[in-house]
Amino acid sequence: MRPLTDNPVSNPEDDSFRFGPYVDVLHQAVEQATPLPLTVGVFGSWGAGKSSFLQLWQRRFEATRTRTIWFNPWKYDRKVEVWAALLHTILSEMEKEDTLRDKAKKLARAATWLSVRAGLGAAAALATGGVVKGEQVDKMLEGLAEEDSAQYRQVNRFEFDFAEAVSEFVGEDGRLVVFVDDLDRCTPESAMTVLESLKLFFAQSQCVFVLALDLDVLAAVATNKFDEALKGAPSDVVSGMAYLDKIVQLPFFLPDVGFDTLREAFGPYLSELADDSFFWELLRRGLGVNPRRLKRYINVFNMALAVFQAHGTQPLSREFRLQLAVLLIIRSRHRAFFHTLTSEPEAWRTLTVFFERVQGNPGGRNSYSLELDEHLQPFAKDKDIERLLTHGGAERVQPPANETVLAMISTLRNAAGPELPD
């Protein structure tokens, strides 16, 4: 059994999602962008491949003189001020240049001082790669009262001094591309401060910021943040989407990965049913086309089959494998029904029979539903469960015996642990 990992790809030859042409288009657009700075939003849902897209794009810059920096804000969330971590990450790279070391240190001290004076003192604990040592922060805090005026002057000029440092770092006609991944995994407050820092500290610099995020998540965060302050204002003003429009100048929506592409990419990792079209159509209907969800599913399916094969004496039939595949979809996408099956395995057959009757006589749905136990009636209204249990028409997967359902549930729990949210 060869498991699928969730590691993003960075080599073009591993680009099984075929992002390459889209990377080319975006790369050309950004290379021609002037004046800077520029903020690019790479929008996509959870598990859609945003990190892979960014890493493939970063590789494109290796053949150019453009400098790049990768920043993962999730690593700092709840530990430090994420906006300050972004600043220090950039300054840490500058500090490696002998000609920029002193300037980078001064800017790092100013950024730390600003966070402390603003009541955001967690930045004092940043792991800054040597730009600001812990003992330096302690000394700075002790001398704040005496140094306030000088620090204020440094902070007031921070935006321009930073722009000057970037210019020295990349050259007069160069640019610094900063990839910010997983921003939508941060707490709402952290995510918002990072977005705001792009306007506050980087507005004069030769930088391109590439933000990978779920647009709907960040728009909802922005809407919630300004909801009270803008109560009564026009809806287009209050909208979190309108706020993001002011931050992101070049939006790019990650292309959907076709299911056939996913089948081609993940099929070699399946220990069973890799060439079974019925199985793949079952997955398409039950799981959709989210790459990360499908990876997780295939890993658990392979593991569960391996456990059954290790304890059994007879080869597993195709019907058994398909029944396990259906149950794993139920576990992944219909958790309430899965929990019902743990105590009432016969519910699988009961609902299948109900859906078969309804398909034979659609007008009888309501009356047939009343014949079900009350706790099963919500599942009888679930169209996704209906499509799953009746997929294939006459060739549909038949419900297994109750003891088989319970054995499958036990094996899934042993193979994959408790059900986790997507």
Foldseek 3Di string as FASTA:
>chain_A
DDADDLDADQDPVLPLLPCVVVLVVVLVVVVPDDDDDAEEEAADDPQQRLVNSVNNNVVVCVVDLAAEAEAELVVCFPQAQSLLLVLLSVLLVLCVDPVCVVLSLLLNLLSQVVCVVVVRNSNLVDPRNPSADNVNSVVCVVCCVVCVVVSVVCLVCQQVSVQVSQCVVRDVPYAYEYEYEPLLVHDLVSSVVNLVCCVVRHGNHRYYYYYYYHLVSNQVSQLVVCVVVQPPPDPCVSTSNNVVCVRHVHYDYRDGRDLVSLLVSCLVVAPPPSVPPLLSVLCCLLPNRRNVVVSVLRQLLRLLLVVCVVPDDDDDDPLLSSLLSLLSSCVQPVVVVNVVCLVVVCLLQVLLVLLVVCVVPVVCNVVSLVVDDPVCSVVNPDVSSSCNQCPPPVPGRHRDDSVSSNVSVVSSCVRPNHRDHD
